């Protein structure tokens, strides 16, 4: 039999409205959220990035592309420039996974060698743009005044130059090569990064922790390195993910028109140029694979950049 206290408790609980229990459950959930260990800025950004399916699809594709660019040519038994006229225009098969081109060269091997060149040009060009842009934009935004005015006028002059015209003229004067392509892509490519960094520094330099560092006599270089840049890394990373595909497409375009990587070296642009005549004869695979990887690589970087922009936005942090 139940005791008197148990009977009174049961009767009291039966008279309590259901809403009271729902409030208790909500309060319990809030207490659990408070008791959980707080996530850092980068941990929370990664958590939100993982929830973005398109961004993760782009990231997975880029990781697989990088891995295949490293090991792909090793998996193939054919050399990148091995020509075999009897094997000309062989369709995709177990022997030649991506088929062969007009010289009997294995398209699978050349595709992954082209990925090496494209990724190398994209990452190196982006790294140079980020380095120059951070230094220029950081100094311009932090110093302000006359220094900022002079540095921004120089940026405006460079920004007004036709980008493609400058690249083509430089390639014509210096001659087409991998080093010349990287130099041509970065000679004015850092301007956009510098403007983004300057805008971030102008905003962050008035925060209390930066003013406190100034009051303690901290050197300018240390303030920029320790206080300003870490808080501006979000927009910098996003801009970098958009700079890489631009450099990859520019290299492919220049190689396509004959001003970039020269034959017999493999490049997605060179492969696309070599396969133009093959399309008319029905040998679609010679153009399909380089065009597919150019397009999907740019798509992957862009959706990853959009995902990073949302993930690194502090306004969306919960």
C-alpha atoms as a PDB file:
ATOM      1  CA  UNK A   1       0.000   0.000   0.000  1.00  0.00           C
ATOM      2  CA  UNK A   2       1.079   3.577  -0.713  1.00  0.00           C
ATOM      3  CA  UNK A   3       1.973   5.833   2.136  1.00  0.00           C
ATOM      4  CA  UNK A   4       0.096   9.042   2.862  1.00  0.00           C
ATOM      5  CA  UNK A   5       2.920  11.159   1.410  1.00  0.00           C
ATOM      6  CA  UNK A   6       2.928   9.174  -1.862  1.00  0.00           C
ATOM      7  CA  UNK A   7      -0.845   9.538  -2.248  1.00  0.00           C
ATOM      8  CA  UNK A   8      -0.636  13.330  -1.664  1.00  0.00           C
ATOM      9  CA  UNK A   9       2.243  13.654  -4.202  1.00  0.00           C
ATOM     10  CA  UNK A  10       0.280  11.703  -6.832  1.00  0.00           C
ATOM     11  CA  UNK A  11      -2.821  13.842  -6.351  1.00  0.00           C
ATOM     12  CA  UNK A  12      -0.762  17.050  -6.545  1.00  0.00           C
ATOM     13  CA  UNK A  13       1.044  15.943  -9.745  1.00  0.00           C
ATOM     14  CA  UNK A  14      -2.293  15.060 -11.363  1.00  0.00           C
ATOM     15  CA  UNK A  15      -3.544  18.623 -10.807  1.00  0.00           C
ATOM     16  CA  UNK A  16      -0.422  20.277 -12.319  1.00  0.00           C
ATOM     17  CA  UNK A  17      -0.998  21.573 -15.891  1.00  0.00           C
ATOM     18  CA  UNK A  18       0.896  19.891 -18.729  1.00  0.00           C
ATOM     19  CA  UNK A  19       2.482  23.235 -19.665  1.00  0.00           C
ATOM     20  CA  UNK A  20       4.405  23.169 -16.373  1.00  0.00           C
ATOM     21  CA  UNK A  21       6.215  19.980 -17.407  1.00  0.00           C
ATOM     22  CA  UNK A  22       7.059  21.410 -20.852  1.00  0.00           C
ATOM     23  CA  UNK A  23       8.582  24.463 -19.141  1.00  0.00           C
ATOM     24  CA  UNK A  24      10.624  22.202 -16.934  1.00  0.00           C
ATOM     25  CA  UNK A  25      11.859  20.274 -19.969  1.00  0.00           C
ATOM     26  CA  UNK A  26      12.865  23.481 -21.736  1.00  0.00           C
ATOM     27  CA  UNK A  27      14.653  24.700 -18.610  1.00  0.00           C
ATOM     28  CA  UNK A  28      16.444  21.375 -18.389  1.00  0.00           C
ATOM     29  CA  UNK A  29      17.605  21.684 -22.030  1.00  0.00           C
ATOM     30  CA  UNK A  30      18.898  25.197 -21.378  1.00  0.00           C
ATOM     31  CA  UNK A  31      20.784  24.003 -18.307  1.00  0.00           C
ATOM     32  CA  UNK A  32      22.331  21.193 -20.333  1.00  0.00           C
ATOM     33  CA  UNK A  33      23.450  23.660 -23.021  1.00  0.00           C
ATOM     34  CA  UNK A  34      25.011  25.910 -20.381  1.00  0.00           C
ATOM     35  CA  UNK A  35      26.789  22.974 -18.745  1.00  0.00           C
ATOM     36  CA  UNK A  36      28.320  21.805 -22.049  1.00  0.00           C
ATOM     37  CA  UNK A  37      31.892  22.924 -22.767  1.00  0.00           C
ATOM     38  CA  UNK A  38      31.849  26.025 -24.979  1.00  0.00           C
ATOM     39  CA  UNK A  39      33.224  25.683 -28.496  1.00  0.00           C
ATOM     40  CA  UNK A  40      35.998  27.890 -29.771  1.00  0.00           C
ATOM     41  CA  UNK A  41      35.468  30.116 -32.798  1.00  0.00           C
ATOM     42  CA  UNK A  42      37.172  27.663 -35.171  1.00  0.00           C
ATOM     43  CA  UNK A  43      35.428  24.613 -33.681  1.00  0.00           C
ATOM     44  CA  UNK A  44      32.047  26.285 -34.105  1.00  0.00           C
ATOM     45  CA  UNK A  45      32.955  27.304 -37.664  1.00  0.00           C
ATOM     46  CA  UNK A  46      33.890  23.721 -38.516  1.00  0.00           C
ATOM     47  CA  UNK A  47      30.639  22.443 -36.988  1.00  0.00           C
ATOM     48  CA  UNK A  48      28.629  24.792 -39.177  1.00  0.00           C
ATOM     49  CA  UNK A  49      30.708  23.987 -42.257  1.00  0.00           C
ATOM     50  CA  UNK A  50      30.048  20.266 -41.805  1.00  0.00           C
ATOM     51  CA  UNK A  51      26.303  20.952 -41.849  1.00  0.00           C
ATOM     52  CA  UNK A  52      26.640  22.593 -45.277  1.00  0.00           C
ATOM     53  CA  UNK A  53      26.288  19.650 -47.668  1.00  0.00           C
ATOM     54  CA  UNK A  54      27.372  21.504 -50.805  1.00  0.00           C
ATOM     55  CA  UNK A  55      30.482  22.892 -49.126  1.00  0.00           C
ATOM     56  CA  UNK A  56      31.431  19.445 -47.830  1.00  0.00           C
ATOM     57  CA  UNK A  57      30.857  17.991 -51.296  1.00  0.00           C
ATOM     58  CA  UNK A  58      33.276  20.547 -52.706  1.00  0.00           C
ATOM     59  CA  UNK A  59      35.815  19.869 -49.949  1.00  0.00           C
ATOM     60  CA  UNK A  60      35.661  16.089 -50.475  1.00  0.00           C
ATOM     61  CA  UNK A  61      36.103  16.512 -54.238  1.00  0.00           C
ATOM     62  CA  UNK A  62      39.139  18.780 -53.758  1.00  0.00           C
ATOM     63  CA  UNK A  63      40.730  16.354 -51.299  1.00  0.00           C
ATOM     64  CA  UNK A  64      40.217  13.447 -53.704  1.00  0.00           C
ATOM     65  CA  UNK A  65      41.503  15.558 -56.596  1.00  0.00           C
ATOM     66  CA  UNK A  66      44.662  16.405 -54.668  1.00  0.00           C
ATOM     67  CA  UNK A  67      45.224  12.767 -53.751  1.00  0.00           C
ATOM     68  CA  UNK A  68      44.739  11.618 -57.339  1.00  0.00           C
ATOM     69  CA  UNK A  69      47.037  14.349 -58.632  1.00  0.00           C
ATOM     70  CA  UNK A  70      49.741  12.837 -56.428  1.00  0.00           C
ATOM     71  CA  UNK A  71      49.162   9.122 -56.974  1.00  0.00           C
ATOM     72  CA  UNK A  72      47.206   9.091 -60.260  1.00  0.00           C
ATOM     73  CA  UNK A  73      50.205   9.017 -62.599  1.00  0.00           C
ATOM     74  CA  UNK A  74      51.772   6.327 -60.395  1.00  0.00           C
ATOM     75  CA  UNK A  75      48.710   4.112 -60.825  1.00  0.00           C
ATOM     76  CA  UNK A  76      48.935   4.361 -64.603  1.00  0.00           C
ATOM     77  CA  UNK A  77      51.411   2.117 -66.466  1.00  0.00           C
ATOM     78  CA  UNK A  78      51.807   4.744 -69.211  1.00  0.00           C
ATOM     79  CA  UNK A  79      54.155   7.719 -69.287  1.00  0.00           C
ATOM     80  CA  UNK A  80      52.646  11.153 -69.661  1.00  0.00           C
ATOM     81  CA  UNK A  81      54.294  11.916 -73.029  1.00  0.00           C
ATOM     82  CA  UNK A  82      54.433   8.379 -74.443  1.00  0.00           C
ATOM     83  CA  UNK A  83      53.118   8.488 -78.014  1.00  0.00           C
ATOM     84  CA  UNK A  84      51.742   5.481 -79.857  1.00  0.00           C
ATOM     85  CA  UNK A  85      50.097   6.160 -83.216  1.00  0.00           C
ATOM     86  CA  UNK A  86      48.507   2.667 -83.413  1.00  0.00           C
ATOM     87  CA  UNK A  87      46.648   3.532 -80.175  1.00  0.00           C
ATOM     88  CA  UNK A  88      45.344   6.831 -81.534  1.00  0.00           C
ATOM     89  CA  UNK A  89      41.827   7.806 -80.362  1.00  0.00           C
ATOM     90  CA  UNK A  90      41.154   4.676 -78.341  1.00  0.00           C
ATOM     91  CA  UNK A  91      37.848   5.041 -76.421  1.00  0.00           C
ATOM     92  CA  UNK A  92      37.754   4.595 -72.618  1.00  0.00           C
ATOM     93  CA  UNK A  93      38.383   0.955 -71.728  1.00  0.00           C
ATOM     94  CA  UNK A  94      40.008  -1.228 -69.092  1.00  0.00           C
ATOM     95  CA  UNK A  95      43.342  -0.662 -70.810  1.00  0.00           C
ATOM     96  CA  UNK A  96      42.989   3.123 -71.136  1.00  0.00           C
ATOM     97  CA  UNK A  97      40.533   4.296 -68.486  1.00  0.00           C
ATOM     98  CA  UNK A  98      40.034   7.747 -70.040  1.00  0.00           C
ATOM     99  CA  UNK A  99      40.929   6.717 -73.609  1.00  0.00           C
ATOM    100  CA  UNK A 100      43.772   8.103 -75.713  1.00  0.00           C
ATOM    101  CA  UNK A 101      44.297  11.347 -77.660  1.00  0.00           C
ATOM    102  CA  UNK A 102      45.411  12.166 -81.198  1.00  0.00           C
ATOM    103  CA  UNK A 103      48.971  11.017 -80.493  1.00  0.00           C
ATOM    104  CA  UNK A 104      47.982   7.821 -78.692  1.00  0.00           C
ATOM    105  CA  UNK A 105      48.852   9.270 -75.283  1.00  0.00           C
ATOM    106  CA  UNK A 106      46.928   8.032 -72.252  1.00  0.00           C
ATOM    107  CA  UNK A 107      44.348  10.670 -71.249  1.00  0.00           C
ATOM    108  CA  UNK A 108      44.091   9.310 -67.679  1.00  0.00           C
ATOM    109  CA  UNK A 109      47.785   9.932 -67.031  1.00  0.00           C
ATOM    110  CA  UNK A 110      47.768  13.353 -68.679  1.00  0.00           C
ATOM    111  CA  UNK A 111      44.655  14.413 -66.759  1.00  0.00           C
ATOM    112  CA  UNK A 112      46.319  13.894 -63.390  1.00  0.00           C
ATOM    113  CA  UNK A 113      49.535  15.545 -64.530  1.00  0.00           C
ATOM    114  CA  UNK A 114      47.374  18.463 -65.611  1.00  0.00           C
ATOM    115  CA  UNK A 115      45.800  18.475 -62.141  1.00  0.00           C
ATOM    116  CA  UNK A 116      49.271  18.809 -60.628  1.00  0.00           C
ATOM    117  CA  UNK A 117      50.046  21.869 -62.727  1.00  0.00           C
ATOM    118  CA  UNK A 118      46.640  23.484 -62.196  1.00  0.00           C
ATOM    119  CA  UNK A 119      46.650  22.984 -58.422  1.00  0.00           C
ATOM    120  CA  UNK A 120      50.278  24.109 -58.159  1.00  0.00           C
ATOM    121  CA  UNK A 121      49.603  27.309 -60.098  1.00  0.00           C
ATOM    122  CA  UNK A 122      46.396  27.968 -58.160  1.00  0.00           C
ATOM    123  CA  UNK A 123      47.866  27.489 -54.683  1.00  0.00           C
ATOM    124  CA  UNK A 124      51.145  29.311 -55.360  1.00  0.00           C
ATOM    125  CA  UNK A 125      49.367  32.263 -56.973  1.00  0.00           C
ATOM    126  CA  UNK A 126      46.896  32.428 -54.065  1.00  0.00           C
ATOM    127  CA  UNK A 127      49.727  32.190 -51.512  1.00  0.00           C
ATOM    128  CA  UNK A 128      51.609  35.070 -53.133  1.00  0.00           C
ATOM    129  CA  UNK A 129      48.413  37.146 -53.376  1.00  0.00           C
ATOM    130  CA  UNK A 130      47.627  36.510 -49.710  1.00  0.00           C
ATOM    131  CA  UNK A 131      51.156  37.364 -48.559  1.00  0.00           C
ATOM    132  CA  UNK A 132      51.403  40.642 -50.481  1.00  0.00           C
ATOM    133  CA  UNK A 133      47.778  41.544 -49.765  1.00  0.00           C
ATOM    134  CA  UNK A 134      48.124  40.996 -46.013  1.00  0.00           C
ATOM    135  CA  UNK A 135      51.315  43.052 -45.777  1.00  0.00           C
ATOM    136  CA  UNK A 136      50.046  45.902 -47.963  1.00  0.00           C
ATOM    137  CA  UNK A 137      46.491  46.001 -46.643  1.00  0.00           C
ATOM    138  CA  UNK A 138      47.575  45.560 -43.013  1.00  0.00           C
ATOM    139  CA  UNK A 139      50.037  48.446 -43.115  1.00  0.00           C
ATOM    140  CA  UNK A 140      47.639  50.678 -45.057  1.00  0.00           C
ATOM    141  CA  UNK A 141      44.700  50.076 -42.751  1.00  0.00           C
ATOM    142  CA  UNK A 142      46.658  50.301 -39.498  1.00  0.00           C
ATOM    143  CA  UNK A 143      48.728  53.390 -40.314  1.00  0.00           C
ATOM    144  CA  UNK A 144      45.882  55.351 -41.884  1.00  0.00           C
ATOM    145  CA  UNK A 145      46.241  59.003 -42.779  1.00  0.00           C
ATOM    146  CA  UNK A 146      48.673  59.957 -45.540  1.00  0.00           C
ATOM    147  CA  UNK A 147      50.236  56.486 -45.680  1.00  0.00           C
ATOM    148  CA  UNK A 148      46.853  54.898 -46.286  1.00  0.00           C
ATOM    149  CA  UNK A 149      45.989  57.529 -48.897  1.00  0.00           C
ATOM    150  CA  UNK A 150      49.177  56.952 -50.928  1.00  0.00           C
ATOM    151  CA  UNK A 151      48.974  53.148 -50.733  1.00  0.00           C
ATOM    152  CA  UNK A 152      45.325  53.123 -51.766  1.00  0.00           C
ATOM    153  CA  UNK A 153      46.021  55.373 -54.767  1.00  0.00           C
ATOM    154  CA  UNK A 154      48.607  52.844 -55.944  1.00  0.00           C
ATOM    155  CA  UNK A 155      46.044  50.051 -55.536  1.00  0.00           C
ATOM    156  CA  UNK A 156      43.484  52.021 -57.544  1.00  0.00           C
ATOM    157  CA  UNK A 157      45.971  52.471 -60.395  1.00  0.00           C
ATOM    158  CA  UNK A 158      46.751  48.741 -60.457  1.00  0.00           C
ATOM    159  CA  UNK A 159      43.071  47.867 -60.129  1.00  0.00           C
ATOM    160  CA  UNK A 160      42.262  49.988 -63.177  1.00  0.00           C
ATOM    161  CA  UNK A 161      44.709  48.117 -65.419  1.00  0.00           C
ATOM    162  CA  UNK A 162      43.122  45.472 -67.692  1.00  0.00           C
ATOM    163  CA  UNK A 163      44.094  42.273 -65.916  1.00  0.00           C
ATOM    164  CA  UNK A 164      44.054  39.977 -68.931  1.00  0.00           C
ATOM    165  CA  UNK A 165      45.937  42.480 -71.091  1.00  0.00           C
ATOM    166  CA  UNK A 166      48.714  42.783 -68.505  1.00  0.00           C
ATOM    167  CA  UNK A 167      49.014  38.995 -68.255  1.00  0.00           C
ATOM    168  CA  UNK A 168      49.163  38.496 -72.020  1.00  0.00           C
ATOM    169  CA  UNK A 169      51.718  41.288 -72.524  1.00  0.00           C
ATOM    170  CA  UNK A 170      53.935  39.883 -69.787  1.00  0.00           C
ATOM    171  CA  UNK A 171      53.772  36.386 -71.276  1.00  0.00           C
ATOM    172  CA  UNK A 172      54.623  37.735 -74.730  1.00  0.00           C
ATOM    173  CA  UNK A 173      57.623  39.696 -73.419  1.00  0.00           C
ATOM    174  CA  UNK A 174      59.050  37.069 -71.045  1.00  0.00           C
ATOM    175  CA  UNK A 175      57.952  33.989 -72.952  1.00  0.00           C
ATOM    176  CA  UNK A 176      55.467  31.323 -71.846  1.00  0.00           C
ATOM    177  CA  UNK A 177      56.603  29.217 -68.895  1.00  0.00           C
ATOM    178  CA  UNK A 178      55.273  28.083 -65.538  1.00  0.00           C
ATOM    179  CA  UNK A 179      57.171  30.791 -63.651  1.00  0.00           C
ATOM    180  CA  UNK A 180      56.011  33.493 -66.045  1.00  0.00           C
ATOM    181  CA  UNK A 181      52.391  32.396 -65.643  1.00  0.00           C
ATOM    182  CA  UNK A 182      52.607  32.636 -61.842  1.00  0.00           C
ATOM    183  CA  UNK A 183      54.283  36.053 -62.079  1.00  0.00           C
ATOM    184  CA  UNK A 184      51.671  37.280 -64.545  1.00  0.00           C
ATOM    185  CA  UNK A 185      48.785  36.078 -62.389  1.00  0.00           C
ATOM    186  CA  UNK A 186      50.122  37.678 -59.207  1.00  0.00           C
ATOM    187  CA  UNK A 187      51.420  40.995 -60.533  1.00  0.00           C
ATOM    188  CA  UNK A 188      48.006  42.581 -59.940  1.00  0.00           C
ATOM    189  CA  UNK A 189      46.098  39.654 -58.402  1.00  0.00           C
ATOM    190  CA  UNK A 190      46.927  40.706 -54.833  1.00  0.00           C
ATOM    191  CA  UNK A 191      44.991  43.977 -55.111  1.00  0.00           C
ATOM    192  CA  UNK A 192      41.635  42.466 -54.100  1.00  0.00           C
ATOM    193  CA  UNK A 193      43.147  40.756 -51.072  1.00  0.00           C
ATOM    194  CA  UNK A 194      44.815  43.994 -49.967  1.00  0.00           C
ATOM    195  CA  UNK A 195      41.521  45.881 -50.072  1.00  0.00           C
ATOM    196  CA  UNK A 196      39.761  43.215 -48.011  1.00  0.00           C
ATOM    197  CA  UNK A 197      42.538  43.142 -45.394  1.00  0.00           C
ATOM    198  CA  UNK A 198      42.570  46.943 -45.197  1.00  0.00           C
ATOM    199  CA  UNK A 199      38.818  47.058 -44.573  1.00  0.00           C
ATOM    200  CA  UNK A 200      39.077  44.464 -41.801  1.00  0.00           C
ATOM    201  CA  UNK A 201      42.017  46.216 -40.144  1.00  0.00           C
ATOM    202  CA  UNK A 202      40.253  49.587 -40.229  1.00  0.00           C
ATOM    203  CA  UNK A 203      37.376  48.007 -38.314  1.00  0.00           C
ATOM    204  CA  UNK A 204      39.378  45.934 -35.832  1.00  0.00           C
ATOM    205  CA  UNK A 205      42.066  48.492 -34.942  1.00  0.00           C
ATOM    206  CA  UNK A 206      39.557  50.501 -32.864  1.00  0.00           C
ATOM    207  CA  UNK A 207      38.646  47.534 -30.636  1.00  0.00           C
ATOM    208  CA  UNK A 208      39.532  47.768 -26.950  1.00  0.00           C
ATOM    209  CA  UNK A 209      42.185  45.036 -26.937  1.00  0.00           C
ATOM    210  CA  UNK A 210      44.057  46.732 -29.799  1.00  0.00           C
ATOM    211  CA  UNK A 211      43.921  50.115 -28.063  1.00  0.00           C
ATOM    212  CA  UNK A 212      45.196  48.438 -24.890  1.00  0.00           C
ATOM    213  CA  UNK A 213      48.162  46.982 -26.794  1.00  0.00           C
ATOM    214  CA  UNK A 214      48.957  50.449 -28.149  1.00  0.00           C
ATOM    215  CA  UNK A 215      48.836  51.962 -24.674  1.00  0.00           C
ATOM    216  CA  UNK A 216      51.414  49.426 -23.471  1.00  0.00           C
ATOM    217  CA  UNK A 217      53.777  50.470 -26.257  1.00  0.00           C
ATOM    218  CA  UNK A 218      53.554  47.279 -28.314  1.00  0.00           C
ATOM    219  CA  UNK A 219      55.308  47.443 -31.691  1.00  0.00           C
ATOM    220  CA  UNK A 220      53.168  47.949 -34.772  1.00  0.00           C
ATOM    221  CA  UNK A 221      54.359  44.733 -36.417  1.00  0.00           C
ATOM    222  CA  UNK A 222      53.412  42.717 -33.328  1.00  0.00           C
ATOM    223  CA  UNK A 223      49.965  44.329 -33.083  1.00  0.00           C
ATOM    224  CA  UNK A 224      49.269  43.501 -36.733  1.00  0.00           C
ATOM    225  CA  UNK A 225      50.585  39.953 -36.346  1.00  0.00           C
ATOM    226  CA  UNK A 226      49.045  39.080 -32.976  1.00  0.00           C
ATOM    227  CA  UNK A 227      45.896  41.189 -32.721  1.00  0.00           C
ATOM    228  CA  UNK A 228      44.667  42.260 -36.139  1.00  0.00           C
ATOM    229  CA  UNK A 229      45.391  39.389 -38.531  1.00  0.00           C
ATOM    230  CA  UNK A 230      44.000  36.544 -36.369  1.00  0.00           C
ATOM    231  CA  UNK A 231      40.680  38.396 -36.157  1.00  0.00           C
ATOM    232  CA  UNK A 232      40.634  39.020 -39.911  1.00  0.00           C
ATOM    233  CA  UNK A 233      41.447  35.445 -40.960  1.00  0.00           C
ATOM    234  CA  UNK A 234      37.837  34.586 -41.813  1.00  0.00           C
ATOM    235  CA  UNK A 235      37.502  36.951 -44.816  1.00  0.00           C
ATOM    236  CA  UNK A 236      41.102  36.203 -45.818  1.00  0.00           C
ATOM    237  CA  UNK A 237      40.443  32.446 -46.006  1.00  0.00           C
ATOM    238  CA  UNK A 238      37.229  32.992 -47.962  1.00  0.00           C
ATOM    239  CA  UNK A 239      38.978  35.277 -50.444  1.00  0.00           C
ATOM    240  CA  UNK A 240      41.774  32.733 -50.826  1.00  0.00           C
ATOM    241  CA  UNK A 241      39.293  29.986 -51.771  1.00  0.00           C
ATOM    242  CA  UNK A 242      38.004  32.283 -54.514  1.00  0.00           C
ATOM    243  CA  UNK A 243      41.492  33.272 -55.726  1.00  0.00           C
ATOM    244  CA  UNK A 244      42.609  29.678 -56.333  1.00  0.00           C
ATOM    245  CA  UNK A 245      39.912  28.789 -58.926  1.00  0.00           C
ATOM    246  CA  UNK A 246      40.469  32.116 -60.680  1.00  0.00           C
ATOM    247  CA  UNK A 247      44.164  31.287 -61.067  1.00  0.00           C
ATOM    248  CA  UNK A 248      43.365  27.737 -62.228  1.00  0.00           C
ATOM    249  CA  UNK A 249      40.954  29.005 -64.875  1.00  0.00           C
ATOM    250  CA  UNK A 250      43.393  31.712 -66.000  1.00  0.00           C
ATOM    251  CA  UNK A 251      46.173  29.132 -66.443  1.00  0.00           C
ATOM    252  CA  UNK A 252      43.852  26.823 -68.390  1.00  0.00           C
ATOM    253  CA  UNK A 253      42.702  29.703 -70.606  1.00  0.00           C
ATOM    254  CA  UNK A 254      46.252  30.895 -71.313  1.00  0.00           C
ATOM    255  CA  UNK A 255      47.367  27.348 -72.087  1.00  0.00           C
ATOM    256  CA  UNK A 256      44.332  26.915 -74.322  1.00  0.00           C
ATOM    257  CA  UNK A 257      45.240  29.938 -76.470  1.00  0.00           C
ATOM    258  CA  UNK A 258      48.914  28.915 -76.583  1.00  0.00           C
ATOM    259  CA  UNK A 259      50.403  31.411 -74.094  1.00  0.00           C
ATOM    260  CA  UNK A 260      50.609  29.114 -71.071  1.00  0.00           C
ATOM    261  CA  UNK A 261      52.067  25.668 -70.586  1.00  0.00           C
ATOM    262  CA  UNK A 262      53.612  24.473 -73.830  1.00  0.00           C
ATOM    263  CA  UNK A 263      53.415  20.995 -75.349  1.00  0.00           C
ATOM    264  CA  UNK A 264      54.464  18.294 -74.724  1.00  0.00           C
ATOM    265  CA  UNK A 265      53.775  19.138 -71.059  1.00  0.00           C
ATOM    266  CA  UNK A 266      50.314  18.141 -69.867  1.00  0.00           C
ATOM    267  CA  UNK A 267      47.862  20.792 -68.746  1.00  0.00           C
ATOM    268  CA  UNK A 268      44.088  20.872 -68.763  1.00  0.00           C
ATOM    269  CA  UNK A 269      44.204  23.872 -71.096  1.00  0.00           C
ATOM    270  CA  UNK A 270      46.705  22.188 -73.442  1.00  0.00           C
ATOM    271  CA  UNK A 271      44.593  19.011 -73.496  1.00  0.00           C
ATOM    272  CA  UNK A 272      41.468  21.024 -74.326  1.00  0.00           C
ATOM    273  CA  UNK A 273      43.292  22.772 -77.159  1.00  0.00           C
ATOM    274  CA  UNK A 274      44.628  19.488 -78.569  1.00  0.00           C
ATOM    275  CA  UNK A 275      41.165  17.916 -78.548  1.00  0.00           C
ATOM    276  CA  UNK A 276      39.227  20.609 -80.411  1.00  0.00           C
ATOM    277  CA  UNK A 277      39.530  18.839 -83.754  1.00  0.00           C
ATOM    278  CA  UNK A 278      38.730  15.473 -82.207  1.00  0.00           C
ATOM    279  CA  UNK A 279      35.228  16.574 -81.185  1.00  0.00           C
ATOM    280  CA  UNK A 280      34.141  16.828 -84.806  1.00  0.00           C
ATOM    281  CA  UNK A 281      35.176  13.223 -85.417  1.00  0.00           C
ATOM    282  CA  UNK A 282      33.246  11.947 -82.379  1.00  0.00           C
ATOM    283  CA  UNK A 283      36.190  11.426 -80.000  1.00  0.00           C
ATOM    284  CA  UNK A 284      34.419  13.211 -77.166  1.00  0.00           C
ATOM    285  CA  UNK A 285      36.536  11.813 -74.312  1.00  0.00           C
ATOM    286  CA  UNK A 286      39.610  13.840 -75.268  1.00  0.00           C
ATOM    287  CA  UNK A 287      37.795  17.071 -74.335  1.00  0.00           C
ATOM    288  CA  UNK A 288      35.306  15.769 -71.792  1.00  0.00           C
ATOM    289  CA  UNK A 289      37.758  14.869 -69.016  1.00  0.00           C
ATOM    290  CA  UNK A 290      39.871  18.071 -68.960  1.00  0.00           C
ATOM    291  CA  UNK A 291      36.735  20.223 -69.351  1.00  0.00           C
ATOM    292  CA  UNK A 292      34.959  18.294 -66.577  1.00  0.00           C
ATOM    293  CA  UNK A 293      37.801  18.705 -64.089  1.00  0.00           C
ATOM    294  CA  UNK A 294      38.257  22.394 -64.904  1.00  0.00           C
ATOM    295  CA  UNK A 295      34.540  23.040 -64.396  1.00  0.00           C
ATOM    296  CA  UNK A 296      34.040  20.896 -61.317  1.00  0.00           C
ATOM    297  CA  UNK A 297      37.228  22.171 -59.638  1.00  0.00           C
ATOM    298  CA  UNK A 298      36.034  25.752 -59.996  1.00  0.00           C
ATOM    299  CA  UNK A 299      32.568  24.730 -58.785  1.00  0.00           C
ATOM    300  CA  UNK A 300      34.061  22.940 -55.749  1.00  0.00           C
ATOM    301  CA  UNK A 301      36.178  25.931 -54.735  1.00  0.00           C
ATOM    302  CA  UNK A 302      33.257  28.328 -55.108  1.00  0.00           C
ATOM    303  CA  UNK A 303      30.781  26.281 -53.042  1.00  0.00           C
ATOM    304  CA  UNK A 304      33.506  25.732 -50.436  1.00  0.00           C
ATOM    305  CA  UNK A 305      34.136  29.462 -50.345  1.00  0.00           C
ATOM    306  CA  UNK A 306      30.432  30.177 -49.881  1.00  0.00           C
ATOM    307  CA  UNK A 307      30.279  27.599 -47.095  1.00  0.00           C
ATOM    308  CA  UNK A 308      33.317  29.085 -45.371  1.00  0.00           C
ATOM    309  CA  UNK A 309      31.827  32.558 -45.649  1.00  0.00           C
ATOM    310  CA  UNK A 310      28.716  31.404 -43.775  1.00  0.00           C
ATOM    311  CA  UNK A 311      30.673  29.304 -41.282  1.00  0.00           C
ATOM    312  CA  UNK A 312      33.158  32.066 -40.412  1.00  0.00           C
ATOM    313  CA  UNK A 313      30.541  34.800 -40.111  1.00  0.00           C
ATOM    314  CA  UNK A 314      30.434  35.713 -36.393  1.00  0.00           C
ATOM    315  CA  UNK A 315      26.900  37.097 -36.798  1.00  0.00           C
ATOM    316  CA  UNK A 316      25.618  33.576 -37.472  1.00  0.00           C
ATOM    317  CA  UNK A 317      27.319  32.023 -34.458  1.00  0.00           C
ATOM    318  CA  UNK A 318      24.948  30.603 -31.863  1.00  0.00           C
END
